[in-house]
């Protein structure tokens, strides 16, 4: 496993420069071009990390002629250190616990269960909002492209990869328009392939690389998924 491409130069030249991506849709189209070699594979599926990853992934799925779905992942953050993951839960009843983190910090089992319970409720809310009563996406043996709008710490994406491994995905490609260097490296260790358009040396947030980085709403996620379903059946939305 490892990254597919070296970090690219930082093209963002300061606060007065135009951000490289006008919005998530444009970034998705550019990312899709980078992934075009995967187009037409019968075992291919594209999973978006909601919410911001959905508009990006929709463009990727359309270009690659692949089905689109969401993969809802909730990181189990260490109390008081939310960015530090002690595990994750994901669509389909997957739970991954990073036992070395739990043991090294002496986190009691009841605390793990409390955090997991809170995140399970939010995961179920999002599942209902996005997927209604549809089953979780099947990934066993498939080539899965997991898409987000950008990776800062990369912790949610890493949780998604761990969950997909547990679901026996065949090959996992992590893809995002922009990634912080450390997130790029960590994703390269976890996934089979990593694709990014930008890996800038000076990185403060994902939003700085977009002209329009308004929050994606639950309604927009539902609309995009419905359009993708129509497209996948060979119809125009």
C-alpha atoms as a PDB file:
ATOM      1  CA  UNK A   1       0.000   0.000   0.000  1.00  0.00           C
ATOM      2  CA  UNK A   2       1.134   3.558  -0.576  1.00  0.00           C
ATOM      3  CA  UNK A   3       0.469   6.906  -2.127  1.00  0.00           C
ATOM      4  CA  UNK A   4       0.064   6.960  -5.882  1.00  0.00           C
ATOM      5  CA  UNK A   5       1.600  10.310  -6.508  1.00  0.00           C
ATOM      6  CA  UNK A   6       4.086  12.682  -4.834  1.00  0.00           C
ATOM      7  CA  UNK A   7       2.966  15.906  -3.201  1.00  0.00           C
ATOM      8  CA  UNK A   8       2.405  18.630  -5.761  1.00  0.00           C
ATOM      9  CA  UNK A   9       3.640  22.216  -5.401  1.00  0.00           C
ATOM     10  CA  UNK A  10       1.671  24.721  -3.398  1.00  0.00           C
ATOM     11  CA  UNK A  11      -0.191  26.787  -5.988  1.00  0.00           C
ATOM     12  CA  UNK A  12      -1.973  29.035  -3.501  1.00  0.00           C
ATOM     13  CA  UNK A  13       0.040  32.221  -3.474  1.00  0.00           C
ATOM     14  CA  UNK A  14      -1.464  34.092  -0.560  1.00  0.00           C
ATOM     15  CA  UNK A  15      -4.675  35.703   0.562  1.00  0.00           C
ATOM     16  CA  UNK A  16      -5.010  37.803  -2.595  1.00  0.00           C
ATOM     17  CA  UNK A  17      -4.666  34.837  -4.932  1.00  0.00           C
ATOM     18  CA  UNK A  18      -7.666  33.069  -6.400  1.00  0.00           C
ATOM     19  CA  UNK A  19      -8.392  29.799  -4.554  1.00  0.00           C
ATOM     20  CA  UNK A  20      -7.697  26.833  -6.845  1.00  0.00           C
ATOM     21  CA  UNK A  21     -11.264  25.466  -6.639  1.00  0.00           C
ATOM     22  CA  UNK A  22     -14.333  27.618  -7.221  1.00  0.00           C
ATOM     23  CA  UNK A  23     -16.582  25.147  -5.379  1.00  0.00           C
ATOM     24  CA  UNK A  24     -16.977  21.452  -4.594  1.00  0.00           C
ATOM     25  CA  UNK A  25     -18.546  20.644  -7.955  1.00  0.00           C
ATOM     26  CA  UNK A  26     -15.631  22.072  -9.913  1.00  0.00           C
ATOM     27  CA  UNK A  27     -13.161  20.357  -7.584  1.00  0.00           C
ATOM     28  CA  UNK A  28     -15.004  17.084  -8.133  1.00  0.00           C
ATOM     29  CA  UNK A  29     -14.745  17.407 -11.894  1.00  0.00           C
ATOM     30  CA  UNK A  30     -11.003  17.994 -11.671  1.00  0.00           C
ATOM     31  CA  UNK A  31     -10.584  15.089  -9.278  1.00  0.00           C
ATOM     32  CA  UNK A  32     -12.597  12.874 -11.611  1.00  0.00           C
ATOM     33  CA  UNK A  33     -10.124  13.578 -14.404  1.00  0.00           C
ATOM     34  CA  UNK A  34      -7.329  12.401 -12.134  1.00  0.00           C
ATOM     35  CA  UNK A  35      -9.230   9.161 -11.461  1.00  0.00           C
ATOM     36  CA  UNK A  36     -10.317   8.567 -15.061  1.00  0.00           C
ATOM     37  CA  UNK A  37      -8.215   5.429 -15.357  1.00  0.00           C
ATOM     38  CA  UNK A  38     -10.708   3.621 -13.121  1.00  0.00           C
ATOM     39  CA  UNK A  39     -13.672   4.342 -15.392  1.00  0.00           C
ATOM     40  CA  UNK A  40     -15.806   1.425 -16.453  1.00  0.00           C
ATOM     41  CA  UNK A  41     -14.561  -1.118 -13.916  1.00  0.00           C
ATOM     42  CA  UNK A  42     -17.458  -3.439 -13.085  1.00  0.00           C
ATOM     43  CA  UNK A  43     -16.391  -3.799  -9.440  1.00  0.00           C
ATOM     44  CA  UNK A  44     -16.110  -0.055  -8.841  1.00  0.00           C
ATOM     45  CA  UNK A  45     -18.190   1.912  -6.351  1.00  0.00           C
ATOM     46  CA  UNK A  46     -17.803   5.504  -5.143  1.00  0.00           C
ATOM     47  CA  UNK A  47     -18.537   6.332  -1.518  1.00  0.00           C
ATOM     48  CA  UNK A  48     -18.823   9.900  -0.273  1.00  0.00           C
ATOM     49  CA  UNK A  49     -18.111  11.036   3.262  1.00  0.00           C
ATOM     50  CA  UNK A  50     -21.051  13.294   4.073  1.00  0.00           C
ATOM     51  CA  UNK A  51     -21.770  15.977   3.957  1.00  0.00           C
ATOM     52  CA  UNK A  52     -19.062  17.942   2.132  1.00  0.00           C
ATOM     53  CA  UNK A  53     -17.725  14.961   0.229  1.00  0.00           C
ATOM     54  CA  UNK A  54     -21.025  14.298  -1.538  1.00  0.00           C
ATOM     55  CA  UNK A  55     -20.928  17.035  -4.233  1.00  0.00           C
ATOM     56  CA  UNK A  56     -17.314  16.104  -4.991  1.00  0.00           C
ATOM     57  CA  UNK A  57     -18.025  12.376  -5.155  1.00  0.00           C
ATOM     58  CA  UNK A  58     -21.061  12.876  -7.396  1.00  0.00           C
ATOM     59  CA  UNK A  59     -18.834  14.291 -10.136  1.00  0.00           C
ATOM     60  CA  UNK A  60     -16.358  11.440  -9.670  1.00  0.00           C
ATOM     61  CA  UNK A  61     -19.077   8.779  -9.886  1.00  0.00           C
ATOM     62  CA  UNK A  62     -20.563  10.355 -13.017  1.00  0.00           C
ATOM     63  CA  UNK A  63     -17.178  10.488 -14.780  1.00  0.00           C
ATOM     64  CA  UNK A  64     -16.266   6.923 -13.768  1.00  0.00           C
ATOM     65  CA  UNK A  65     -19.708   5.461 -14.614  1.00  0.00           C
ATOM     66  CA  UNK A  66     -19.879   4.096 -11.093  1.00  0.00           C
ATOM     67  CA  UNK A  67     -22.655   3.935  -8.495  1.00  0.00           C
ATOM     68  CA  UNK A  68     -22.603   6.593  -5.768  1.00  0.00           C
ATOM     69  CA  UNK A  69     -23.494   6.105  -2.148  1.00  0.00           C
ATOM     70  CA  UNK A  70     -22.662   7.688   1.181  1.00  0.00           C
ATOM     71  CA  UNK A  71     -20.582   6.005   3.837  1.00  0.00           C
ATOM     72  CA  UNK A  72     -21.502   7.473   7.180  1.00  0.00           C
ATOM     73  CA  UNK A  73     -18.603   7.350   9.604  1.00  0.00           C
ATOM     74  CA  UNK A  74     -18.511   8.737  13.109  1.00  0.00           C
ATOM     75  CA  UNK A  75     -15.156   9.027  14.777  1.00  0.00           C
ATOM     76  CA  UNK A  76     -15.020   8.056  18.450  1.00  0.00           C
ATOM     77  CA  UNK A  77     -13.020  10.958  19.819  1.00  0.00           C
ATOM     78  CA  UNK A  78     -11.139  10.760  23.084  1.00  0.00           C
ATOM     79  CA  UNK A  79     -12.972  12.892  25.679  1.00  0.00           C
ATOM     80  CA  UNK A  80     -11.204  16.236  25.868  1.00  0.00           C
ATOM     81  CA  UNK A  81      -9.196  15.447  22.701  1.00  0.00           C
ATOM     82  CA  UNK A  82     -11.883  15.072  20.059  1.00  0.00           C
ATOM     83  CA  UNK A  83      -9.443  14.998  17.137  1.00  0.00           C
ATOM     84  CA  UNK A  84      -7.694  11.971  18.624  1.00  0.00           C
ATOM     85  CA  UNK A  85      -9.651   8.898  17.540  1.00  0.00           C
ATOM     86  CA  UNK A  86      -9.967   5.936  19.854  1.00  0.00           C
ATOM     87  CA  UNK A  87     -12.082   4.211  17.237  1.00  0.00           C
ATOM     88  CA  UNK A  88     -14.929   4.683  14.823  1.00  0.00           C
ATOM     89  CA  UNK A  89     -18.360   3.394  13.905  1.00  0.00           C
ATOM     90  CA  UNK A  90     -19.697   3.242  10.367  1.00  0.00           C
ATOM     91  CA  UNK A  91     -22.638   2.301   8.172  1.00  0.00           C
ATOM     92  CA  UNK A  92     -23.638  -1.331   8.434  1.00  0.00           C
ATOM     93  CA  UNK A  93     -22.927  -1.786  12.119  1.00  0.00           C
ATOM     94  CA  UNK A  94     -19.148  -1.633  11.825  1.00  0.00           C
ATOM     95  CA  UNK A  95     -17.194  -0.727  14.952  1.00  0.00           C
ATOM     96  CA  UNK A  96     -13.428  -0.296  15.034  1.00  0.00           C
ATOM     97  CA  UNK A  97     -11.630   0.290  18.352  1.00  0.00           C
ATOM     98  CA  UNK A  98      -8.003   1.437  18.426  1.00  0.00           C
ATOM     99  CA  UNK A  99      -7.108  -0.593  21.475  1.00  0.00           C
ATOM    100  CA  UNK A 100      -3.593   0.847  21.718  1.00  0.00           C
ATOM    101  CA  UNK A 101      -5.044   4.354  22.163  1.00  0.00           C
ATOM    102  CA  UNK A 102      -7.587   3.152  24.704  1.00  0.00           C
ATOM    103  CA  UNK A 103      -4.948   1.266  26.682  1.00  0.00           C
ATOM    104  CA  UNK A 104      -2.275   3.966  26.549  1.00  0.00           C
ATOM    105  CA  UNK A 105      -4.685   6.612  27.875  1.00  0.00           C
ATOM    106  CA  UNK A 106      -6.367   4.319  30.373  1.00  0.00           C
ATOM    107  CA  UNK A 107      -9.838   4.982  29.006  1.00  0.00           C
ATOM    108  CA  UNK A 108     -12.421   2.890  30.912  1.00  0.00           C
ATOM    109  CA  UNK A 109     -14.745   0.645  28.880  1.00  0.00           C
ATOM    110  CA  UNK A 110     -17.795   2.545  30.104  1.00  0.00           C
ATOM    111  CA  UNK A 111     -16.399   5.791  28.649  1.00  0.00           C
ATOM    112  CA  UNK A 112     -15.825   4.105  25.297  1.00  0.00           C
ATOM    113  CA  UNK A 113     -19.412   2.846  25.371  1.00  0.00           C
ATOM    114  CA  UNK A 114     -20.774   6.274  26.318  1.00  0.00           C
ATOM    115  CA  UNK A 115     -18.987   7.968  23.406  1.00  0.00           C
ATOM    116  CA  UNK A 116     -19.981   5.161  21.036  1.00  0.00           C
ATOM    117  CA  UNK A 117     -23.611   5.502  22.090  1.00  0.00           C
ATOM    118  CA  UNK A 118     -23.641   9.244  21.412  1.00  0.00           C
ATOM    119  CA  UNK A 119     -22.044   8.803  18.007  1.00  0.00           C
ATOM    120  CA  UNK A 120     -24.343   5.890  17.142  1.00  0.00           C
ATOM    121  CA  UNK A 121     -27.365   8.130  17.627  1.00  0.00           C
ATOM    122  CA  UNK A 122     -25.898  10.744  15.275  1.00  0.00           C
ATOM    123  CA  UNK A 123     -24.938   8.067  12.745  1.00  0.00           C
ATOM    124  CA  UNK A 124     -28.487   6.710  12.769  1.00  0.00           C
ATOM    125  CA  UNK A 125     -29.901  10.227  12.330  1.00  0.00           C
ATOM    126  CA  UNK A 126     -27.695  10.776   9.295  1.00  0.00           C
ATOM    127  CA  UNK A 127     -28.515   7.358   7.880  1.00  0.00           C
ATOM    128  CA  UNK A 128     -32.227   8.155   8.104  1.00  0.00           C
ATOM    129  CA  UNK A 129     -31.677  11.592   6.592  1.00  0.00           C
ATOM    130  CA  UNK A 130     -29.601  10.402   3.648  1.00  0.00           C
ATOM    131  CA  UNK A 131     -30.502   6.797   2.955  1.00  0.00           C
ATOM    132  CA  UNK A 132     -34.028   6.303   4.321  1.00  0.00           C
ATOM    133  CA  UNK A 133     -34.537   2.544   4.714  1.00  0.00           C
ATOM    134  CA  UNK A 134     -31.981   1.441   2.125  1.00  0.00           C
ATOM    135  CA  UNK A 135     -29.352  -1.089   3.249  1.00  0.00           C
ATOM    136  CA  UNK A 136     -25.747  -0.043   3.795  1.00  0.00           C
ATOM    137  CA  UNK A 137     -23.620  -0.171   0.642  1.00  0.00           C
ATOM    138  CA  UNK A 138     -22.060  -3.546  -0.103  1.00  0.00           C
ATOM    139  CA  UNK A 139     -18.297  -3.324  -0.568  1.00  0.00           C
ATOM    140  CA  UNK A 140     -17.002  -6.869  -0.124  1.00  0.00           C
ATOM    141  CA  UNK A 141     -14.408  -7.586  -2.800  1.00  0.00           C
ATOM    142  CA  UNK A 142     -15.040  -4.276  -4.582  1.00  0.00           C
ATOM    143  CA  UNK A 143     -12.752  -1.442  -5.590  1.00  0.00           C
ATOM    144  CA  UNK A 144     -13.977   1.453  -3.468  1.00  0.00           C
ATOM    145  CA  UNK A 145     -13.144   5.102  -4.084  1.00  0.00           C
ATOM    146  CA  UNK A 146     -13.747   7.032  -0.865  1.00  0.00           C
ATOM    147  CA  UNK A 147     -14.146  10.757  -1.496  1.00  0.00           C
ATOM    148  CA  UNK A 148     -14.143  13.826   0.720  1.00  0.00           C
ATOM    149  CA  UNK A 149     -13.835  17.531  -0.074  1.00  0.00           C
ATOM    150  CA  UNK A 150     -10.455  17.685   1.653  1.00  0.00           C
ATOM    151  CA  UNK A 151      -8.337  16.146   4.378  1.00  0.00           C
ATOM    152  CA  UNK A 152      -6.997  18.288   7.211  1.00  0.00           C
ATOM    153  CA  UNK A 153      -6.130  15.828   9.985  1.00  0.00           C
ATOM    154  CA  UNK A 154      -7.502  12.966   7.907  1.00  0.00           C
ATOM    155  CA  UNK A 155      -8.879  11.242  10.999  1.00  0.00           C
ATOM    156  CA  UNK A 156     -12.393  10.714   9.615  1.00  0.00           C
ATOM    157  CA  UNK A 157     -11.043   9.325   6.346  1.00  0.00           C
ATOM    158  CA  UNK A 158      -8.732   6.977   8.242  1.00  0.00           C
ATOM    159  CA  UNK A 159     -11.712   5.793  10.264  1.00  0.00           C
ATOM    160  CA  UNK A 160     -13.592   5.166   7.021  1.00  0.00           C
ATOM    161  CA  UNK A 161     -10.707   3.127   5.605  1.00  0.00           C
ATOM    162  CA  UNK A 162     -10.505   1.047   8.791  1.00  0.00           C
ATOM    163  CA  UNK A 163     -14.246   0.381   8.636  1.00  0.00           C
ATOM    164  CA  UNK A 164     -14.083  -0.587   4.954  1.00  0.00           C
ATOM    165  CA  UNK A 165     -11.237  -2.994   5.707  1.00  0.00           C
ATOM    166  CA  UNK A 166     -13.445  -4.612   8.320  1.00  0.00           C
ATOM    167  CA  UNK A 167     -16.186  -4.924   5.677  1.00  0.00           C
ATOM    168  CA  UNK A 168     -13.678  -6.719   3.393  1.00  0.00           C
ATOM    169  CA  UNK A 169     -13.424  -4.147   0.618  1.00  0.00           C
ATOM    170  CA  UNK A 170     -11.201  -5.456  -2.155  1.00  0.00           C
ATOM    171  CA  UNK A 171      -9.179  -2.298  -2.825  1.00  0.00           C
ATOM    172  CA  UNK A 172      -9.536   1.161  -1.294  1.00  0.00           C
ATOM    173  CA  UNK A 173      -8.685   4.405  -3.079  1.00  0.00           C
ATOM    174  CA  UNK A 174      -8.731   7.565  -0.965  1.00  0.00           C
ATOM    175  CA  UNK A 175      -9.437  10.668  -3.037  1.00  0.00           C
ATOM    176  CA  UNK A 176      -9.855  14.363  -2.249  1.00  0.00           C
ATOM    177  CA  UNK A 177      -9.058  17.589  -4.074  1.00  0.00           C
ATOM    178  CA  UNK A 178      -6.721  18.832  -1.338  1.00  0.00           C
ATOM    179  CA  UNK A 179      -4.910  17.172   1.552  1.00  0.00           C
ATOM    180  CA  UNK A 180      -2.569  18.400   4.255  1.00  0.00           C
ATOM    181  CA  UNK A 181       0.847  16.738   3.875  1.00  0.00           C
ATOM    182  CA  UNK A 182       0.566  14.637   7.025  1.00  0.00           C
ATOM    183  CA  UNK A 183      -2.951  13.513   6.127  1.00  0.00           C
ATOM    184  CA  UNK A 184      -1.689  12.556   2.658  1.00  0.00           C
ATOM    185  CA  UNK A 185       1.078  10.448   4.162  1.00  0.00           C
ATOM    186  CA  UNK A 186      -1.173   8.756   6.714  1.00  0.00           C
ATOM    187  CA  UNK A 187      -3.795   7.975   4.078  1.00  0.00           C
ATOM    188  CA  UNK A 188      -1.050   6.428   1.963  1.00  0.00           C
ATOM    189  CA  UNK A 189      -0.228   4.031   4.782  1.00  0.00           C
ATOM    190  CA  UNK A 190      -3.849   2.987   5.269  1.00  0.00           C
ATOM    191  CA  UNK A 191      -5.269   2.835   1.740  1.00  0.00           C
ATOM    192  CA  UNK A 192      -4.187   0.971  -1.378  1.00  0.00           C
ATOM    193  CA  UNK A 193      -3.988   4.211  -3.352  1.00  0.00           C
ATOM    194  CA  UNK A 194      -4.253   7.929  -2.626  1.00  0.00           C
ATOM    195  CA  UNK A 195      -5.219  10.586  -5.151  1.00  0.00           C
ATOM    196  CA  UNK A 196      -5.037  14.324  -4.426  1.00  0.00           C
ATOM    197  CA  UNK A 197      -4.868  17.352  -6.693  1.00  0.00           C
ATOM    198  CA  UNK A 198      -3.079  19.509  -4.133  1.00  0.00           C
ATOM    199  CA  UNK A 199      -0.864  18.661  -1.189  1.00  0.00           C
ATOM    200  CA  UNK A 200       0.228  22.180  -0.208  1.00  0.00           C
ATOM    201  CA  UNK A 201       3.080  22.723   2.213  1.00  0.00           C
ATOM    202  CA  UNK A 202       1.258  25.563   3.965  1.00  0.00           C
ATOM    203  CA  UNK A 203      -2.125  24.245   5.038  1.00  0.00           C
ATOM    204  CA  UNK A 204      -4.441  25.741   7.634  1.00  0.00           C
ATOM    205  CA  UNK A 205      -7.896  24.492   6.589  1.00  0.00           C
ATOM    206  CA  UNK A 206      -9.724  22.786   3.753  1.00  0.00           C
ATOM    207  CA  UNK A 207     -11.912  25.828   3.169  1.00  0.00           C
ATOM    208  CA  UNK A 208      -9.000  28.087   2.210  1.00  0.00           C
ATOM    209  CA  UNK A 209      -8.680  26.219  -1.100  1.00  0.00           C
ATOM    210  CA  UNK A 210     -12.266  26.900  -2.166  1.00  0.00           C
ATOM    211  CA  UNK A 211     -13.902  30.088  -3.364  1.00  0.00           C
ATOM    212  CA  UNK A 212     -17.293  28.825  -2.182  1.00  0.00           C
ATOM    213  CA  UNK A 213     -17.117  26.526   0.845  1.00  0.00           C
ATOM    214  CA  UNK A 214     -20.624  26.882   2.172  1.00  0.00           C
ATOM    215  CA  UNK A 215     -21.817  23.971   4.300  1.00  0.00           C
ATOM    216  CA  UNK A 216     -23.535  21.200   2.373  1.00  0.00           C
ATOM    217  CA  UNK A 217     -27.013  20.597   3.809  1.00  0.00           C
ATOM    218  CA  UNK A 218     -28.847  17.339   4.432  1.00  0.00           C
ATOM    219  CA  UNK A 219     -31.315  18.358   1.731  1.00  0.00           C
ATOM    220  CA  UNK A 220     -28.536  18.832  -0.805  1.00  0.00           C
ATOM    221  CA  UNK A 221     -27.144  15.416   0.063  1.00  0.00           C
ATOM    222  CA  UNK A 222     -30.540  13.806  -0.557  1.00  0.00           C
ATOM    223  CA  UNK A 223     -30.970  15.656  -3.846  1.00  0.00           C
ATOM    224  CA  UNK A 224     -27.520  14.687  -5.130  1.00  0.00           C
ATOM    225  CA  UNK A 225     -28.018  11.040  -4.192  1.00  0.00           C
ATOM    226  CA  UNK A 226     -31.400  10.986  -5.950  1.00  0.00           C
ATOM    227  CA  UNK A 227     -29.875  12.517  -9.083  1.00  0.00           C
ATOM    228  CA  UNK A 228     -27.027  10.007  -9.003  1.00  0.00           C
ATOM    229  CA  UNK A 229     -29.508   7.147  -8.750  1.00  0.00           C
ATOM    230  CA  UNK A 230     -31.358   8.412 -11.815  1.00  0.00           C
ATOM    231  CA  UNK A 231     -28.079   8.820 -13.702  1.00  0.00           C
ATOM    232  CA  UNK A 232     -26.975   5.310 -12.801  1.00  0.00           C
ATOM    233  CA  UNK A 233     -30.157   3.978 -14.427  1.00  0.00           C
ATOM    234  CA  UNK A 234     -29.297   5.774 -17.638  1.00  0.00           C
ATOM    235  CA  UNK A 235     -31.807   8.599 -17.269  1.00  0.00           C
ATOM    236  CA  UNK A 236     -31.400  12.329 -17.043  1.00  0.00           C
ATOM    237  CA  UNK A 237     -32.284  13.887 -13.682  1.00  0.00           C
END
